[in-house]
Amino acid sequence: MEEIRLKGGILMTPKDIQILTNCSARKARQEHLTLRDILNIEPKKLTVAAYCKYFKLDFNRVAKYLNPYR
């Protein structure tokens, strides 16, 4: 199966997290920050692939879901 290409780049934004989890903007920002701290990632450098790997999500499914919002 071919990997789906993400529109708008590979970085995960708090808005992407909000779309995926249907949470508030504040909760999404907190989750983004917490995950970056856990994975020891620089600010604004969390990738969708790293997010998927951490939460054991299928990258292609997440990319397909996010693309219409990007």
PDB file of N, CA and C in Angstrom:
ATOM      1  N   MET A   1       0.844  -1.185   0.000  1.00  0.00           N
ATOM      2  CA  MET A   1       0.000   0.000   0.000  1.00  0.00           C
ATOM      3  C   MET A   1       0.887   1.245   0.000  1.00  0.00           C
ATOM      4  N   GLU A   2       0.573   2.178  -0.875  1.00  0.00           N
ATOM      5  CA  GLU A   2       1.356   3.400  -0.991  1.00  0.00           C
ATOM      6  C   GLU A   2       0.992   4.375   0.125  1.00  0.00           C
ATOM      7  N   GLU A   3       2.006   5.032   0.664  1.00  0.00           N
ATOM      8  CA  GLU A   3       1.775   5.999   1.731  1.00  0.00           C
ATOM      9  C   GLU A   3       1.118   7.254   1.175  1.00  0.00           C
ATOM     10  N   ILE A   4       0.097   7.726   1.849  1.00  0.00           N
ATOM     11  CA  ILE A   4      -0.622   8.934   1.429  1.00  0.00           C
ATOM     12  C   ILE A   4       0.220  10.156   1.767  1.00  0.00           C
ATOM     13  N   ARG A   5       0.250  11.100   0.850  1.00  0.00           N
ATOM     14  CA  ARG A   5       1.019  12.320   1.037  1.00  0.00           C
ATOM     15  C   ARG A   5       0.162  13.361   1.764  1.00  0.00           C
ATOM     16  N   LEU A   6       0.751  13.969   2.786  1.00  0.00           N
ATOM     17  CA  LEU A   6       0.067  15.012   3.549  1.00  0.00           C
ATOM     18  C   LEU A   6       0.110  16.335   2.810  1.00  0.00           C
ATOM     19  N   LYS A   7      -0.999  17.031   2.773  1.00  0.00           N
ATOM     20  CA  LYS A   7      -1.020  18.391   2.238  1.00  0.00           C
ATOM     21  C   LYS A   7      -0.441  19.321   3.295  1.00  0.00           C
ATOM     22  N   GLY A   8       0.269  20.343   2.873  1.00  0.00           N
ATOM     23  CA  GLY A   8       0.714  21.374   3.797  1.00  0.00           C
ATOM     24  C   GLY A   8       1.888  21.021   4.681  1.00  0.00           C
ATOM     25  N   GLY A   9       2.627  19.986   4.357  1.00  0.00           N
ATOM     26  CA  GLY A   9       3.821  19.658   5.124  1.00  0.00           C
ATOM     27  C   GLY A   9       3.613  18.524   6.110  1.00  0.00           C
ATOM     28  N   ILE A  10       4.709  18.158   6.781  1.00  0.00           N
ATOM     29  CA  ILE A  10       4.711  16.976   7.639  1.00  0.00           C
ATOM     30  C   ILE A  10       4.533  17.286   9.124  1.00  0.00           C
ATOM     31  N   LEU A  11       4.558  18.565   9.487  1.00  0.00           N
ATOM     32  CA  LEU A  11       4.487  18.915  10.903  1.00  0.00           C
ATOM     33  C   LEU A  11       3.060  18.902  11.438  1.00  0.00           C
ATOM     34  N   MET A  12       2.937  18.422  12.650  1.00  0.00           N
ATOM     35  CA  MET A  12       1.652  18.325  13.348  1.00  0.00           C
ATOM     36  C   MET A  12       1.420  19.614  14.106  1.00  0.00           C
ATOM     37  N   THR A  13       0.274  20.216  13.918  1.00  0.00           N
ATOM     38  CA  THR A  13      -0.065  21.444  14.637  1.00  0.00           C
ATOM     39  C   THR A  13      -1.104  21.134  15.715  1.00  0.00           C
ATOM     40  N   PRO A  14      -1.222  22.025  16.683  1.00  0.00           N
ATOM     41  CA  PRO A  14      -2.294  21.838  17.657  1.00  0.00           C
ATOM     42  C   PRO A  14      -3.673  21.771  16.982  1.00  0.00           C
ATOM     43  N   LYS A  15      -3.848  22.511  15.893  1.00  0.00           N
ATOM     44  CA  LYS A  15      -5.120  22.482  15.158  1.00  0.00           C
ATOM     45  C   LYS A  15      -5.373  21.077  14.610  1.00  0.00           C
ATOM     46  N   ASP A  16      -4.325  20.400  14.110  1.00  0.00           N
ATOM     47  CA  ASP A  16      -4.465  19.021  13.635  1.00  0.00           C
ATOM     48  C   ASP A  16      -4.923  18.105  14.771  1.00  0.00           C
ATOM     49  N   ILE A  17      -4.324  18.293  15.941  1.00  0.00           N
ATOM     50  CA  ILE A  17      -4.702  17.483  17.105  1.00  0.00           C
ATOM     51  C   ILE A  17      -6.156  17.761  17.472  1.00  0.00           C
ATOM     52  N   GLN A  18      -6.553  19.023  17.417  1.00  0.00           N
ATOM     53  CA  GLN A  18      -7.928  19.395  17.726  1.00  0.00           C
ATOM     54  C   GLN A  18      -8.897  18.717  16.752  1.00  0.00           C
ATOM     55  N   ILE A  19      -8.546  18.668  15.487  1.00  0.00           N
ATOM     56  CA  ILE A  19      -9.384  18.022  14.473  1.00  0.00           C
ATOM     57  C   ILE A  19      -9.472  16.525  14.727  1.00  0.00           C
ATOM     58  N   LEU A  20      -8.338  15.905  15.019  1.00  0.00           N
ATOM     59  CA  LEU A  20      -8.306  14.457  15.223  1.00  0.00           C
ATOM     60  C   LEU A  20      -9.046  14.004  16.479  1.00  0.00           C
ATOM     61  N   THR A  21      -8.893  14.768  17.541  1.00  0.00           N
ATOM     62  CA  THR A  21      -9.430  14.329  18.828  1.00  0.00           C
ATOM     63  C   THR A  21     -10.726  15.027  19.235  1.00  0.00           C
ATOM     64  N   ASN A  22     -11.132  16.034  18.450  1.00  0.00           N
ATOM     65  CA  ASN A  22     -12.349  16.779  18.745  1.00  0.00           C
ATOM     66  C   ASN A  22     -12.308  17.381  20.156  1.00  0.00           C
ATOM     67  N   CYS A  23     -11.167  17.967  20.485  1.00  0.00           N
ATOM     68  CA  CYS A  23     -11.003  18.602  21.794  1.00  0.00           C
ATOM     69  C   CYS A  23     -10.907  20.118  21.608  1.00  0.00           C
ATOM     70  N   SER A  24     -10.789  20.828  22.707  1.00  0.00           N
ATOM     71  CA  SER A  24     -10.671  22.281  22.652  1.00  0.00           C
ATOM     72  C   SER A  24      -9.281  22.673  22.152  1.00  0.00           C
ATOM     73  N   ALA A  25      -9.167  23.920  21.707  1.00  0.00           N
ATOM     74  CA  ALA A  25      -7.873  24.428  21.240  1.00  0.00           C
ATOM     75  C   ALA A  25      -6.850  24.399  22.376  1.00  0.00           C
ATOM     76  N   ARG A  26      -7.280  24.741  23.567  1.00  0.00           N
ATOM     77  CA  ARG A  26      -6.369  24.738  24.728  1.00  0.00           C
ATOM     78  C   ARG A  26      -5.852  23.326  25.021  1.00  0.00           C
ATOM     79  N   LYS A  27      -6.746  22.358  25.019  1.00  0.00           N
ATOM     80  CA  LYS A  27      -6.355  20.964  25.275  1.00  0.00           C
ATOM     81  C   LYS A  27      -5.406  20.464  24.173  1.00  0.00           C
ATOM     82  N   ALA A  28      -5.676  20.841  22.939  1.00  0.00           N
ATOM     83  CA  ALA A  28      -4.826  20.429  21.815  1.00  0.00           C
ATOM     84  C   ALA A  28      -3.424  21.023  21.949  1.00  0.00           C
ATOM     85  N   ARG A  29      -3.335  22.299  22.336  1.00  0.00           N
ATOM     86  CA  ARG A  29      -2.022  22.923  22.542  1.00  0.00           C
ATOM     87  C   ARG A  29      -1.263  22.226  23.666  1.00  0.00           C
ATOM     88  N   GLN A  30      -1.981  21.891  24.738  1.00  0.00           N
ATOM     89  CA  GLN A  30      -1.348  21.206  25.867  1.00  0.00           C
ATOM     90  C   GLN A  30      -0.851  19.822  25.457  1.00  0.00           C
ATOM     91  N   GLU A  31      -1.647  19.090  24.691  1.00  0.00           N
ATOM     92  CA  GLU A  31      -1.233  17.766  24.234  1.00  0.00           C
ATOM     93  C   GLU A  31      -0.005  17.866  23.321  1.00  0.00           C
ATOM     94  N   HIS A  32       0.008  18.877  22.453  1.00  0.00           N
ATOM     95  CA  HIS A  32       1.148  19.105  21.557  1.00  0.00           C
ATOM     96  C   HIS A  32       2.411  19.352  22.380  1.00  0.00           C
ATOM     97  N   LEU A  33       2.320  20.227  23.373  1.00  0.00           N
ATOM     98  CA  LEU A  33       3.448  20.550  24.240  1.00  0.00           C
ATOM     99  C   LEU A  33       3.900  19.332  25.043  1.00  0.00           C
ATOM    100  N   THR A  34       2.962  18.611  25.621  1.00  0.00           N
ATOM    101  CA  THR A  34       3.284  17.428  26.422  1.00  0.00           C
ATOM    102  C   THR A  34       3.994  16.374  25.582  1.00  0.00           C
ATOM    103  N   LEU A  35       3.477  16.131  24.405  1.00  0.00           N
ATOM    104  CA  LEU A  35       4.084  15.129  23.530  1.00  0.00           C
ATOM    105  C   LEU A  35       5.488  15.546  23.092  1.00  0.00           C
ATOM    106  N   ARG A  36       5.676  16.831  22.797  1.00  0.00           N
ATOM    107  CA  ARG A  36       7.022  17.317  22.443  1.00  0.00           C
ATOM    108  C   ARG A  36       7.982  17.133  23.609  1.00  0.00           C
ATOM    109  N   ASP A  37       7.511  17.381  24.832  1.00  0.00           N
ATOM    110  CA  ASP A  37       8.352  17.185  26.018  1.00  0.00           C
ATOM    111  C   ASP A  37       8.706  15.712  26.196  1.00  0.00           C
ATOM    112  N   ILE A  38       7.730  14.832  26.063  1.00  0.00           N
ATOM    113  CA  ILE A  38       7.962  13.396  26.226  1.00  0.00           C
ATOM    114  C   ILE A  38       8.956  12.888  25.185  1.00  0.00           C
ATOM    115  N   LEU A  39       8.787  13.333  23.937  1.00  0.00           N
ATOM    116  CA  LEU A  39       9.646  12.861  22.848  1.00  0.00           C
ATOM    117  C   LEU A  39      10.922  13.683  22.687  1.00  0.00           C
ATOM    118  N   ASN A  40      11.078  14.704  23.532  1.00  0.00           N
ATOM    119  CA  ASN A  40      12.253  15.583  23.502  1.00  0.00           C
ATOM    120  C   ASN A  40      12.449  16.203  22.112  1.00  0.00           C
ATOM    121  N   ILE A  41      11.384  16.855  21.640  1.00  0.00           N
ATOM    122  CA  ILE A  41      11.373  17.472  20.316  1.00  0.00           C
ATOM    123  C   ILE A  41      11.345  18.982  20.474  1.00  0.00           C
ATOM    124  N   GLU A  42      12.056  19.664  19.569  1.00  0.00           N
ATOM    125  CA  GLU A  42      12.076  21.128  19.580  1.00  0.00           C
ATOM    126  C   GLU A  42      10.669  21.689  19.376  1.00  0.00           C
ATOM    127  N   PRO A  43      10.443  22.918  19.851  1.00  0.00           N
ATOM    128  CA  PRO A  43       9.138  23.546  19.604  1.00  0.00           C
ATOM    129  C   PRO A  43       8.805  23.581  18.117  1.00  0.00           C
ATOM    130  N   LYS A  44       7.560  23.290  17.803  1.00  0.00           N
ATOM    131  CA  LYS A  44       7.018  23.321  16.443  1.00  0.00           C
ATOM    132  C   LYS A  44       7.634  22.284  15.507  1.00  0.00           C
ATOM    133  N   LYS A  45       8.257  21.241  16.027  1.00  0.00           N
ATOM    134  CA  LYS A  45       8.888  20.230  15.183  1.00  0.00           C
ATOM    135  C   LYS A  45       8.266  18.846  15.319  1.00  0.00           C
ATOM    136  N   LEU A  46       7.100  18.752  15.929  1.00  0.00           N
ATOM    137  CA  LEU A  46       6.409  17.474  16.064  1.00  0.00           C
ATOM    138  C   LEU A  46       5.843  17.079  14.695  1.00  0.00           C
ATOM    139  N   THR A  47       6.193  15.901  14.218  1.00  0.00           N
ATOM    140  CA  THR A  47       5.684  15.450  12.926  1.00  0.00           C
ATOM    141  C   THR A  47       4.434  14.587  13.104  1.00  0.00           C
ATOM    142  N   VAL A  48       3.667  14.510  12.047  1.00  0.00           N
ATOM    143  CA  VAL A  48       2.479  13.660  12.058  1.00  0.00           C
ATOM    144  C   VAL A  48       2.915  12.207  12.249  1.00  0.00           C
ATOM    145  N   ALA A  49       4.026  11.822  11.628  1.00  0.00           N
ATOM    146  CA  ALA A  49       4.529  10.449  11.756  1.00  0.00           C
ATOM    147  C   ALA A  49       4.886  10.129  13.208  1.00  0.00           C
ATOM    148  N   ALA A  50       5.540  11.059  13.911  1.00  0.00           N
ATOM    149  CA  ALA A  50       5.903  10.846  15.316  1.00  0.00           C
ATOM    150  C   ALA A  50       4.639  10.743  16.178  1.00  0.00           C
ATOM    151  N   TYR A  51       3.657  11.571  15.887  1.00  0.00           N
ATOM    152  CA  TYR A  51       2.385  11.527  16.612  1.00  0.00           C
ATOM    153  C   TYR A  51       1.721  10.170  16.421  1.00  0.00           C
ATOM    154  N   CYS A  52       1.678   9.719  15.185  1.00  0.00           N
ATOM    155  CA  CYS A  52       1.053   8.424  14.878  1.00  0.00           C
ATOM    156  C   CYS A  52       1.802   7.277  15.545  1.00  0.00           C
ATOM    157  N   LYS A  53       3.110   7.343  15.514  1.00  0.00           N
ATOM    158  CA  LYS A  53       3.915   6.280  16.127  1.00  0.00           C
ATOM    159  C   LYS A  53       3.669   6.236  17.637  1.00  0.00           C
ATOM    160  N   TYR A  54       3.642   7.398  18.284  1.00  0.00           N
ATOM    161  CA  TYR A  54       3.456   7.455  19.725  1.00  0.00           C
ATOM    162  C   TYR A  54       2.102   6.879  20.140  1.00  0.00           C
ATOM    163  N   PHE A  55       1.062   7.245  19.403  1.00  0.00           N
ATOM    164  CA  PHE A  55      -0.288   6.794  19.749  1.00  0.00           C
ATOM    165  C   PHE A  55      -0.695   5.509  19.022  1.00  0.00           C
ATOM    166  N   LYS A  56       0.265   4.918  18.288  1.00  0.00           N
ATOM    167  CA  LYS A  56       0.021   3.667  17.550  1.00  0.00           C
ATOM    168  C   LYS A  56      -1.171   3.798  16.601  1.00  0.00           C
ATOM    169  N   LEU A  57      -1.148   4.887  15.819  1.00  0.00           N
ATOM    170  CA  LEU A  57      -2.180   5.152  14.824  1.00  0.00           C
ATOM    171  C   LEU A  57      -1.634   4.876  13.432  1.00  0.00           C
ATOM    172  N   ASP A  58      -2.505   4.506  12.513  1.00  0.00           N
ATOM    173  CA  ASP A  58      -2.110   4.273  11.130  1.00  0.00           C
ATOM    174  C   ASP A  58      -1.891   5.620  10.431  1.00  0.00           C
ATOM    175  N   PHE A  59      -0.663   5.848   9.960  1.00  0.00           N
ATOM    176  CA  PHE A  59      -0.315   7.124   9.335  1.00  0.00           C
ATOM    177  C   PHE A  59      -1.225   7.439   8.157  1.00  0.00           C
ATOM    178  N   ASN A  60      -1.444   6.470   7.275  1.00  0.00           N
ATOM    179  CA  ASN A  60      -2.260   6.715   6.083  1.00  0.00           C
ATOM    180  C   ASN A  60      -3.686   7.131   6.440  1.00  0.00           C
ATOM    181  N   ARG A  61      -4.222   6.503   7.446  1.00  0.00           N
ATOM    182  CA  ARG A  61      -5.586   6.842   7.874  1.00  0.00           C
ATOM    183  C   ARG A  61      -5.643   8.263   8.433  1.00  0.00           C
ATOM    184  N   VAL A  62      -4.644   8.628   9.235  1.00  0.00           N
ATOM    185  CA  VAL A  62      -4.588   9.978   9.810  1.00  0.00           C
ATOM    186  C   VAL A  62      -4.385  11.014   8.701  1.00  0.00           C
ATOM    187  N   ALA A  63      -3.473  10.739   7.773  1.00  0.00           N
ATOM    188  CA  ALA A  63      -3.216  11.664   6.664  1.00  0.00           C
ATOM    189  C   ALA A  63      -4.467  11.860   5.821  1.00  0.00           C
ATOM    190  N   LYS A  64      -5.153  10.790   5.529  1.00  0.00           N
ATOM    191  CA  LYS A  64      -6.380  10.875   4.729  1.00  0.00           C
ATOM    192  C   LYS A  64      -7.433  11.703   5.461  1.00  0.00           C
ATOM    193  N   TYR A  65      -7.504  11.565   6.781  1.00  0.00           N
ATOM    194  CA  TYR A  65      -8.472  12.317   7.576  1.00  0.00           C
ATOM    195  C   TYR A  65      -8.112  13.807   7.648  1.00  0.00           C
ATOM    196  N   LEU A  66      -6.821  14.121   7.787  1.00  0.00           N
ATOM    197  CA  LEU A  66      -6.398  15.519   7.946  1.00  0.00           C
ATOM    198  C   LEU A  66      -6.368  16.307   6.645  1.00  0.00           C
ATOM    199  N   ASN A  67      -6.065  15.660   5.529  1.00  0.00           N
ATOM    200  CA  ASN A  67      -5.879  16.374   4.265  1.00  0.00           C
ATOM    201  C   ASN A  67      -6.993  17.343   3.889  1.00  0.00           C
ATOM    202  N   PRO A  68      -8.270  17.004   4.048  1.00  0.00           N
ATOM    203  CA  PRO A  68      -9.311  17.979   3.676  1.00  0.00           C
ATOM    204  C   PRO A  68      -9.288  19.256   4.512  1.00  0.00           C
ATOM    205  N   TYR A  69      -8.715  19.210   5.712  1.00  0.00           N
ATOM    206  CA  TYR A  69      -8.668  20.377   6.596  1.00  0.00           C
ATOM    207  C   TYR A  69      -7.417  21.220   6.399  1.00  0.00           C
ATOM    208  N   ARG A  70      -6.497  20.765   5.587  1.00  0.00           N
ATOM    209  CA  ARG A  70      -5.227  21.480   5.412  1.00  0.00           C
ATOM    210  C   ARG A  70      -5.241  22.340   4.177  1.00  0.00           C
TER     211      ARG A  70
END
